[in-house]
Amino acid sequence: MTTEKTLKFVRMRGVQELTGIGRSQIYSLEKQGRFPRRNKILANTTVWIEEEVQAWMAARVTQCRCPSPSGKKEAA
């Protein structure tokens, strides 16, 4: 039995709702390579893949909950 994942595209407003992060911060993190890259699927349509955004969110939660060796929380 094969289980295929269905891709779901999310536009900017959806990414903002999922993450709670504003537009400029999303673009800034993306530029730094610290956020999933957007995909231009049509001339005027840019989307993110929801699974990639959710994986990024899960990684952030894990990172924030793991204490650093010095015992202090690391900066985002």
PDB file of N, CA and C in Angstrom:
ATOM      1  N   MET A   1       0.844  -1.174   0.000  1.00  0.00           N
ATOM      2  CA  MET A   1       0.000   0.000   0.000  1.00  0.00           C
ATOM      3  C   MET A   1       0.892   1.241   0.000  1.00  0.00           C
ATOM      4  N   THR A   2       0.609   2.167  -0.864  1.00  0.00           N
ATOM      5  CA  THR A   2       1.380   3.401  -0.972  1.00  0.00           C
ATOM      6  C   THR A   2       0.573   4.554  -0.406  1.00  0.00           C
ATOM      7  N   THR A   3       1.251   5.363   0.410  1.00  0.00           N
ATOM      8  CA  THR A   3       0.582   6.564   0.917  1.00  0.00           C
ATOM      9  C   THR A   3       1.273   7.767   0.299  1.00  0.00           C
ATOM     10  N   GLU A   4       0.538   8.483  -0.490  1.00  0.00           N
ATOM     11  CA  GLU A   4       1.073   9.671  -1.141  1.00  0.00           C
ATOM     12  C   GLU A   4       0.622  10.908  -0.376  1.00  0.00           C
ATOM     13  N   LYS A   5       1.551  11.824  -0.211  1.00  0.00           N
ATOM     14  CA  LYS A   5       1.208  13.086   0.442  1.00  0.00           C
ATOM     15  C   LYS A   5       0.667  14.045  -0.605  1.00  0.00           C
ATOM     16  N   THR A   6      -0.349  14.772  -0.227  1.00  0.00           N
ATOM     17  CA  THR A   6      -0.925  15.766  -1.110  1.00  0.00           C
ATOM     18  C   THR A   6      -0.273  17.108  -0.808  1.00  0.00           C
ATOM     19  N   LEU A   7       0.258  17.732  -1.843  1.00  0.00           N
ATOM     20  CA  LEU A   7       0.848  19.053  -1.666  1.00  0.00           C
ATOM     21  C   LEU A   7      -0.258  20.085  -1.499  1.00  0.00           C
ATOM     22  N   LYS A   8      -0.036  20.984  -0.583  1.00  0.00           N
ATOM     23  CA  LYS A   8      -0.984  22.085  -0.416  1.00  0.00           C
ATOM     24  C   LYS A   8      -0.193  23.376  -0.515  1.00  0.00           C
ATOM     25  N   PHE A   9      -0.614  24.245  -1.419  1.00  0.00           N
ATOM     26  CA  PHE A   9       0.016  25.545  -1.576  1.00  0.00           C
ATOM     27  C   PHE A   9      -0.622  26.533  -0.618  1.00  0.00           C
ATOM     28  N   VAL A  10       0.207  27.403  -0.062  1.00  0.00           N
ATOM     29  CA  VAL A  10      -0.271  28.423   0.860  1.00  0.00           C
ATOM     30  C   VAL A  10       0.266  29.761   0.383  1.00  0.00           C
ATOM     31  N   ARG A  11      -0.628  30.725   0.236  1.00  0.00           N
ATOM     32  CA  ARG A  11      -0.212  32.068  -0.164  1.00  0.00           C
ATOM     33  C   ARG A  11       0.229  32.844   1.071  1.00  0.00           C
ATOM     34  N   MET A  12       0.723  34.046   0.889  1.00  0.00           N
ATOM     35  CA  MET A  12       1.312  34.834   1.972  1.00  0.00           C
ATOM     36  C   MET A  12       0.393  34.940   3.186  1.00  0.00           C
ATOM     37  N   ARG A  13      -0.843  35.262   2.968  1.00  0.00           N
ATOM     38  CA  ARG A  13      -1.768  35.423   4.103  1.00  0.00           C
ATOM     39  C   ARG A  13      -1.861  34.126   4.913  1.00  0.00           C
ATOM     40  N   GLY A  14      -1.884  32.998   4.240  1.00  0.00           N
ATOM     41  CA  GLY A  14      -1.933  31.709   4.920  1.00  0.00           C
ATOM     42  C   GLY A  14      -0.664  31.429   5.702  1.00  0.00           C
ATOM     43  N   VAL A  15       0.477  31.794   5.131  1.00  0.00           N
ATOM     44  CA  VAL A  15       1.755  31.607   5.834  1.00  0.00           C
ATOM     45  C   VAL A  15       1.773  32.478   7.087  1.00  0.00           C
ATOM     46  N   GLN A  16       1.289  33.707   6.962  1.00  0.00           N
ATOM     47  CA  GLN A  16       1.222  34.597   8.121  1.00  0.00           C
ATOM     48  C   GLN A  16       0.310  34.012   9.200  1.00  0.00           C
ATOM     49  N   GLU A  17      -0.822  33.464   8.798  1.00  0.00           N
ATOM     50  CA  GLU A  17      -1.754  32.878   9.757  1.00  0.00           C
ATOM     51  C   GLU A  17      -1.157  31.635  10.423  1.00  0.00           C
ATOM     52  N   LEU A  18      -0.466  30.798   9.639  1.00  0.00           N
ATOM     53  CA  LEU A  18       0.143  29.593  10.193  1.00  0.00           C
ATOM     54  C   LEU A  18       1.238  29.922  11.204  1.00  0.00           C
ATOM     55  N   THR A  19       2.083  30.883  10.856  1.00  0.00           N
ATOM     56  CA  THR A  19       3.280  31.149  11.659  1.00  0.00           C
ATOM     57  C   THR A  19       3.113  32.254  12.694  1.00  0.00           C
ATOM     58  N   GLY A  20       2.195  33.183  12.441  1.00  0.00           N
ATOM     59  CA  GLY A  20       2.078  34.339  13.318  1.00  0.00           C
ATOM     60  C   GLY A  20       3.161  35.375  13.064  1.00  0.00           C
ATOM     61  N   ILE A  21       3.827  35.255  11.943  1.00  0.00           N
ATOM     62  CA  ILE A  21       4.929  36.156  11.579  1.00  0.00           C
ATOM     63  C   ILE A  21       4.459  37.088  10.469  1.00  0.00           C
ATOM     64  N   GLY A  22       4.917  38.317  10.509  1.00  0.00           N
ATOM     65  CA  GLY A  22       4.537  39.302   9.511  1.00  0.00           C
ATOM     66  C   GLY A  22       5.263  39.128   8.192  1.00  0.00           C
ATOM     67  N   ARG A  23       4.720  39.762   7.175  1.00  0.00           N
ATOM     68  CA  ARG A  23       5.235  39.671   5.805  1.00  0.00           C
ATOM     69  C   ARG A  23       6.729  40.026   5.704  1.00  0.00           C
ATOM     70  N   SER A  24       7.130  41.141   6.247  1.00  0.00           N
ATOM     71  CA  SER A  24       8.524  41.561   6.089  1.00  0.00           C
ATOM     72  C   SER A  24       9.480  40.605   6.804  1.00  0.00           C
ATOM     73  N   GLN A  25       9.057  40.067   7.939  1.00  0.00           N
ATOM     74  CA  GLN A  25       9.903  39.113   8.664  1.00  0.00           C
ATOM     75  C   GLN A  25      10.024  37.803   7.887  1.00  0.00           C
ATOM     76  N   ILE A  26       8.955  37.375   7.254  1.00  0.00           N
ATOM     77  CA  ILE A  26       9.004  36.161   6.430  1.00  0.00           C
ATOM     78  C   ILE A  26      10.002  36.351   5.292  1.00  0.00           C
ATOM     79  N   TYR A  27       9.900  37.482   4.601  1.00  0.00           N
ATOM     80  CA  TYR A  27      10.825  37.746   3.498  1.00  0.00           C
ATOM     81  C   TYR A  27      12.268  37.851   3.997  1.00  0.00           C
ATOM     82  N   SER A  28      12.466  38.470   5.142  1.00  0.00           N
ATOM     83  CA  SER A  28      13.807  38.608   5.700  1.00  0.00           C
ATOM     84  C   SER A  28      14.401  37.241   6.053  1.00  0.00           C
ATOM     85  N   LEU A  29      13.630  36.409   6.729  1.00  0.00           N
ATOM     86  CA  LEU A  29      14.102  35.067   7.087  1.00  0.00           C
ATOM     87  C   LEU A  29      14.384  34.236   5.839  1.00  0.00           C
ATOM     88  N   GLU A  30      13.523  34.368   4.837  1.00  0.00           N
ATOM     89  CA  GLU A  30      13.729  33.639   3.589  1.00  0.00           C
ATOM     90  C   GLU A  30      15.035  34.078   2.920  1.00  0.00           C
ATOM     91  N   LYS A  31      15.282  35.372   2.901  1.00  0.00           N
ATOM     92  CA  LYS A  31      16.496  35.903   2.284  1.00  0.00           C
ATOM     93  C   LYS A  31      17.747  35.389   2.996  1.00  0.00           C
ATOM     94  N   GLN A  32      17.647  35.212   4.310  1.00  0.00           N
ATOM     95  CA  GLN A  32      18.766  34.706   5.105  1.00  0.00           C
ATOM     96  C   GLN A  32      18.921  33.186   5.001  1.00  0.00           C
ATOM     97  N   GLY A  33      17.982  32.530   4.322  1.00  0.00           N
ATOM     98  CA  GLY A  33      18.017  31.080   4.204  1.00  0.00           C
ATOM     99  C   GLY A  33      17.502  30.366   5.439  1.00  0.00           C
ATOM    100  N   ARG A  34      16.721  31.085   6.250  1.00  0.00           N
ATOM    101  CA  ARG A  34      16.214  30.539   7.503  1.00  0.00           C
ATOM    102  C   ARG A  34      14.714  30.267   7.478  1.00  0.00           C
ATOM    103  N   PHE A  35      14.122  30.312   6.284  1.00  0.00           N
ATOM    104  CA  PHE A  35      12.696  30.056   6.118  1.00  0.00           C
ATOM    105  C   PHE A  35      12.511  29.410   4.750  1.00  0.00           C
ATOM    106  N   PRO A  36      11.525  28.532   4.588  1.00  0.00           N
ATOM    107  CA  PRO A  36      11.314  27.891   3.279  1.00  0.00           C
ATOM    108  C   PRO A  36      11.155  28.917   2.159  1.00  0.00           C
ATOM    109  N   ARG A  37      11.664  28.551   0.999  1.00  0.00           N
ATOM    110  CA  ARG A  37      11.591  29.448  -0.156  1.00  0.00           C
ATOM    111  C   ARG A  37      10.205  29.404  -0.793  1.00  0.00           C
ATOM    112  N   ARG A  38       9.806  30.544  -1.287  1.00  0.00           N
ATOM    113  CA  ARG A  38       8.511  30.634  -1.991  1.00  0.00           C
ATOM    114  C   ARG A  38       8.678  30.071  -3.401  1.00  0.00           C
ATOM    115  N   ASN A  39       7.571  29.746  -4.012  1.00  0.00           N
ATOM    116  CA  ASN A  39       7.546  29.172  -5.357  1.00  0.00           C
ATOM    117  C   ASN A  39       6.620  29.993  -6.235  1.00  0.00           C
ATOM    118  N   LYS A  40       7.134  30.446  -7.351  1.00  0.00           N
ATOM    119  CA  LYS A  40       6.301  31.210  -8.289  1.00  0.00           C
ATOM    120  C   LYS A  40       5.674  30.199  -9.245  1.00  0.00           C
ATOM    121  N   ILE A  41       4.398  29.907  -9.041  1.00  0.00           N
ATOM    122  CA  ILE A  41       3.746  28.869  -9.833  1.00  0.00           C
ATOM    123  C   ILE A  41       3.022  29.407 -11.065  1.00  0.00           C
ATOM    124  N   LEU A  42       2.694  30.692 -11.052  1.00  0.00           N
ATOM    125  CA  LEU A  42       2.104  31.377 -12.200  1.00  0.00           C
ATOM    126  C   LEU A  42       2.697  32.777 -12.244  1.00  0.00           C
ATOM    127  N   ALA A  43       2.418  33.507 -13.298  1.00  0.00           N
ATOM    128  CA  ALA A  43       2.992  34.843 -13.461  1.00  0.00           C
ATOM    129  C   ALA A  43       2.763  35.738 -12.242  1.00  0.00           C
ATOM    130  N   ASN A  44       1.571  35.694 -11.667  1.00  0.00           N
ATOM    131  CA  ASN A  44       1.248  36.561 -10.534  1.00  0.00           C
ATOM    132  C   ASN A  44       0.878  35.782  -9.274  1.00  0.00           C
ATOM    133  N   THR A  45       1.358  34.548  -9.176  1.00  0.00           N
ATOM    134  CA  THR A  45       0.997  33.725  -8.024  1.00  0.00           C
ATOM    135  C   THR A  45       2.235  33.113  -7.395  1.00  0.00           C
ATOM    136  N   THR A  46       2.461  33.498  -6.144  1.00  0.00           N
ATOM    137  CA  THR A  46       3.585  32.973  -5.373  1.00  0.00           C
ATOM    138  C   THR A  46       3.028  32.231  -4.167  1.00  0.00           C
ATOM    139  N   VAL A  47       3.574  31.047  -3.915  1.00  0.00           N
ATOM    140  CA  VAL A  47       3.072  30.214  -2.822  1.00  0.00           C
ATOM    141  C   VAL A  47       4.238  29.562  -2.079  1.00  0.00           C
ATOM    142  N   TRP A  48       3.926  29.063  -0.911  1.00  0.00           N
ATOM    143  CA  TRP A  48       4.831  28.215  -0.154  1.00  0.00           C
ATOM    144  C   TRP A  48       4.175  26.848  -0.080  1.00  0.00           C
ATOM    145  N   ILE A  49       4.960  25.812   0.153  1.00  0.00           N
ATOM    146  CA  ILE A  49       4.416  24.479   0.353  1.00  0.00           C
ATOM    147  C   ILE A  49       4.131  24.330   1.840  1.00  0.00           C
ATOM    148  N   GLU A  50       2.870  24.069   2.170  1.00  0.00           N
ATOM    149  CA  GLU A  50       2.443  24.047   3.561  1.00  0.00           C
ATOM    150  C   GLU A  50       3.287  23.102   4.412  1.00  0.00           C
ATOM    151  N   GLU A  51       3.608  21.936   3.905  1.00  0.00           N
ATOM    152  CA  GLU A  51       4.394  20.960   4.660  1.00  0.00           C
ATOM    153  C   GLU A  51       5.774  21.514   5.029  1.00  0.00           C
ATOM    154  N   GLU A  52       6.385  22.287   4.126  1.00  0.00           N
ATOM    155  CA  GLU A  52       7.689  22.888   4.408  1.00  0.00           C
ATOM    156  C   GLU A  52       7.571  23.939   5.510  1.00  0.00           C
ATOM    157  N   VAL A  53       6.505  24.718   5.472  1.00  0.00           N
ATOM    158  CA  VAL A  53       6.286  25.742   6.500  1.00  0.00           C
ATOM    159  C   VAL A  53       6.035  25.068   7.849  1.00  0.00           C
ATOM    160  N   GLN A  54       5.242  24.015   7.857  1.00  0.00           N
ATOM    161  CA  GLN A  54       4.966  23.304   9.106  1.00  0.00           C
ATOM    162  C   GLN A  54       6.226  22.641   9.658  1.00  0.00           C
ATOM    163  N   ALA A  55       7.067  22.113   8.785  1.00  0.00           N
ATOM    164  CA  ALA A  55       8.337  21.512   9.230  1.00  0.00           C
ATOM    165  C   ALA A  55       9.231  22.586   9.843  1.00  0.00           C
ATOM    166  N   TRP A  56       9.248  23.772   9.244  1.00  0.00           N
ATOM    167  CA  TRP A  56      10.026  24.882   9.786  1.00  0.00           C
ATOM    168  C   TRP A  56       9.505  25.249  11.177  1.00  0.00           C
ATOM    169  N   MET A  57       8.179  25.296  11.321  1.00  0.00           N
ATOM    170  CA  MET A  57       7.581  25.627  12.614  1.00  0.00           C
ATOM    171  C   MET A  57       7.951  24.578  13.665  1.00  0.00           C
ATOM    172  N   ALA A  58       7.877  23.309  13.311  1.00  0.00           N
ATOM    173  CA  ALA A  58       8.216  22.232  14.245  1.00  0.00           C
ATOM    174  C   ALA A  58       9.683  22.326  14.670  1.00  0.00           C
ATOM    175  N   ALA A  59      10.556  22.651  13.721  1.00  0.00           N
ATOM    176  CA  ALA A  59      11.980  22.791  14.036  1.00  0.00           C
ATOM    177  C   ALA A  59      12.212  23.960  14.992  1.00  0.00           C
ATOM    178  N   ARG A  60      11.480  25.047  14.802  1.00  0.00           N
ATOM    179  CA  ARG A  60      11.614  26.214  15.682  1.00  0.00           C
ATOM    180  C   ARG A  60      11.178  25.860  17.103  1.00  0.00           C
ATOM    181  N   VAL A  61      10.090  25.106  17.237  1.00  0.00           N
ATOM    182  CA  VAL A  61       9.614  24.704  18.561  1.00  0.00           C
ATOM    183  C   VAL A  61      10.663  23.832  19.237  1.00  0.00           C
ATOM    184  N   THR A  62      11.199  22.875  18.491  1.00  0.00           N
ATOM    185  CA  THR A  62      12.227  21.989  19.043  1.00  0.00           C
ATOM    186  C   THR A  62      13.453  22.788  19.470  1.00  0.00           C
ATOM    187  N   GLN A  63      13.879  23.718  18.635  1.00  0.00           N
ATOM    188  CA  GLN A  63      15.053  24.530  18.936  1.00  0.00           C
ATOM    189  C   GLN A  63      14.826  25.387  20.183  1.00  0.00           C
ATOM    190  N   CYS A  64      13.653  25.943  20.310  1.00  0.00           N
ATOM    191  CA  CYS A  64      13.364  26.814  21.443  1.00  0.00           C
ATOM    192  C   CYS A  64      13.256  26.035  22.750  1.00  0.00           C
ATOM    193  N   ARG A  65      12.884  24.777  22.681  1.00  0.00           N
ATOM    194  CA  ARG A  65      12.705  23.973  23.883  1.00  0.00           C
ATOM    195  C   ARG A  65      13.978  23.273  24.328  1.00  0.00           C
ATOM    196  N   CYS A  66      14.962  23.194  23.442  1.00  0.00           N
ATOM    197  CA  CYS A  66      16.217  22.521  23.798  1.00  0.00           C
ATOM    198  C   CYS A  66      17.169  23.545  24.406  1.00  0.00           C
ATOM    199  N   PRO A  67      17.598  23.343  25.662  1.00  0.00           N
ATOM    200  CA  PRO A  67      18.533  24.289  26.257  1.00  0.00           C
ATOM    201  C   PRO A  67      19.905  24.185  25.588  1.00  0.00           C
ATOM    202  N   SER A  68      20.566  25.300  25.493  1.00  0.00           N
ATOM    203  CA  SER A  68      21.910  25.324  24.933  1.00  0.00           C
ATOM    204  C   SER A  68      22.878  24.767  25.981  1.00  0.00           C
ATOM    205  N   PRO A  69      24.087  24.406  25.584  1.00  0.00           N
ATOM    206  CA  PRO A  69      25.055  23.861  26.552  1.00  0.00           C
ATOM    207  C   PRO A  69      25.337  24.796  27.734  1.00  0.00           C
ATOM    208  N   SER A  70      25.198  26.100  27.524  1.00  0.00           N
ATOM    209  CA  SER A  70      25.460  27.055  28.601  1.00  0.00           C
ATOM    210  C   SER A  70      24.261  27.198  29.540  1.00  0.00           C
ATOM    211  N   GLY A  71      23.129  26.570  29.165  1.00  0.00           N
ATOM    212  CA  GLY A  71      21.944  26.647  29.985  1.00  0.00           C
ATOM    213  C   GLY A  71      21.043  27.815  29.636  1.00  0.00           C
ATOM    214  N   LYS A  72      21.483  28.668  28.704  1.00  0.00           N
ATOM    215  CA  LYS A  72      20.684  29.814  28.279  1.00  0.00           C
ATOM    216  C   LYS A  72      19.989  29.469  26.977  1.00  0.00           C
ATOM    217  N   LYS A  73      18.834  30.085  26.765  1.00  0.00           N
ATOM    218  CA  LYS A  73      18.126  29.905  25.490  1.00  0.00           C
ATOM    219  C   LYS A  73      18.903  30.646  24.412  1.00  0.00           C
ATOM    220  N   GLU A  74      18.950  30.021  23.222  1.00  0.00           N
ATOM    221  CA  GLU A  74      19.644  30.647  22.110  1.00  0.00           C
ATOM    222  C   GLU A  74      18.748  31.669  21.432  1.00  0.00           C
ATOM    223  N   ALA A  75      19.363  32.675  20.849  1.00  0.00           N
ATOM    224  CA  ALA A  75      18.610  33.717  20.142  1.00  0.00           C
ATOM    225  C   ALA A  75      18.061  33.159  18.841  1.00  0.00           C
ATOM    226  N   ALA A  76      16.913  33.671  18.411  1.00  0.00           N
ATOM    227  CA  ALA A  76      16.289  33.209  17.162  1.00  0.00           C
ATOM    228  C   ALA A  76      17.029  33.665  16.014  1.00  0.00           C
TER     229      ALA A  76
END
